[in-house]
Amino acid sequence: MNASAGTGMMPAAFIGHGNPMNALEQNRYSRAWRALGEAVPRPRAILVVSAHWYIGATAVTVMPRPTRSPCQPLG
């Protein structure tokens, strides 16, 4: 996958997490994620949309380095 030729735009990607162990194990999913990261330029920002974090409102986290994953349980 390459950024759009000559536009400076980054590609959009949908990446379903599947089994959470995919983030820890070496398998075809983790290898594909690594290949994607190596194929595109380093982004200035990343937008993540998750359906797994219900708070009864629409919210946006705006921090350079969030302290927790949105999928991590509160408490």
Protein backbone atom coordinates (compact mmCIF):
# COMPACT_ATOMS: atom_id res chain seq x y z
CA MET A 1 0.00 0.00 0.00
CA ASN A 2 1.40 3.41 -0.90
CA ALA A 3 0.30 6.94 -0.15
CA SER A 4 -1.68 8.52 -2.98
CA ALA A 5 0.82 9.46 -5.68
CA GLY A 6 1.88 13.09 -5.45
CA THR A 7 -0.98 14.24 -3.20
CA GLY A 8 0.68 13.84 0.19
CA MET A 9 -2.44 12.01 1.37
CA MET A 10 -2.17 8.91 3.51
CA PRO A 11 -4.19 5.78 2.76
CA ALA A 12 -7.17 4.86 4.91
CA ALA A 13 -7.13 1.37 6.38
CA PHE A 14 -9.70 -0.67 8.27
CA ILE A 15 -7.98 -3.03 10.66
CA GLY A 16 -10.22 -5.25 12.75
CA HIS A 17 -8.44 -6.46 15.86
CA GLY A 18 -9.80 -9.99 15.72
CA ASN A 19 -8.29 -12.00 18.54
CA PRO A 20 -6.55 -9.62 21.01
CA MET A 21 -3.60 -12.06 21.09
CA ASN A 22 -2.79 -10.91 17.53
CA ALA A 23 -1.14 -7.89 19.14
CA LEU A 24 1.23 -10.16 21.06
CA GLU A 25 1.83 -13.17 18.85
CA GLN A 26 3.88 -13.58 15.68
CA ASN A 27 1.36 -14.72 13.06
CA ARG A 28 0.05 -13.74 9.63
CA TYR A 29 -1.95 -10.84 11.12
CA SER A 30 0.94 -9.32 13.04
CA ARG A 31 3.21 -9.77 10.00
CA ALA A 32 0.64 -8.02 7.78
CA TRP A 33 0.34 -5.13 10.26
CA ARG A 34 4.13 -4.78 10.33
CA ALA A 35 4.27 -4.80 6.51
CA LEU A 36 1.61 -2.08 6.38
CA GLY A 37 3.59 0.05 8.83
CA GLU A 38 6.72 -0.33 6.75
CA ALA A 39 4.91 0.41 3.45
CA VAL A 40 3.41 3.81 4.31
CA PRO A 41 5.11 7.01 5.48
CA ARG A 42 4.99 7.82 9.21
CA PRO A 43 1.66 9.60 9.84
CA ARG A 44 1.35 12.86 11.74
CA ALA A 45 -1.81 11.56 13.43
CA ILE A 46 -3.87 8.38 13.65
CA LEU A 47 -7.66 8.29 13.96
CA VAL A 48 -9.03 5.22 15.72
CA VAL A 49 -12.75 4.50 15.88
CA SER A 50 -13.87 1.80 18.28
CA ALA A 51 -17.31 0.35 18.84
CA HIS A 52 -16.16 -1.32 22.05
CA TRP A 53 -16.12 1.64 24.38
CA TYR A 54 -19.58 2.73 25.46
CA ILE A 55 -19.76 5.83 27.63
CA GLY A 56 -23.23 7.10 26.70
CA ALA A 57 -21.82 10.03 24.70
CA THR A 58 -19.68 10.88 21.71
CA ALA A 59 -16.14 11.68 22.84
CA VAL A 60 -12.74 12.38 21.32
CA THR A 61 -9.42 11.72 23.05
CA VAL A 62 -6.96 14.47 22.15
CA MET A 63 -3.59 13.63 23.68
CA PRO A 64 -0.22 13.10 22.01
CA ARG A 65 0.20 9.83 23.92
CA PRO A 66 -3.02 8.49 25.46
CA THR A 67 -2.43 6.79 28.80
CA ARG A 68 -4.75 3.83 28.17
CA SER A 69 -6.37 1.89 25.38
CA PRO A 70 -10.03 2.71 24.69
CA CYS A 71 -10.70 -1.06 24.85
CA GLN A 72 -9.15 -1.33 28.32
CA PRO A 73 -11.86 -1.65 31.02
CA LEU A 74 -12.43 1.33 33.27
CA GLY A 75 -11.69 0.95 36.95
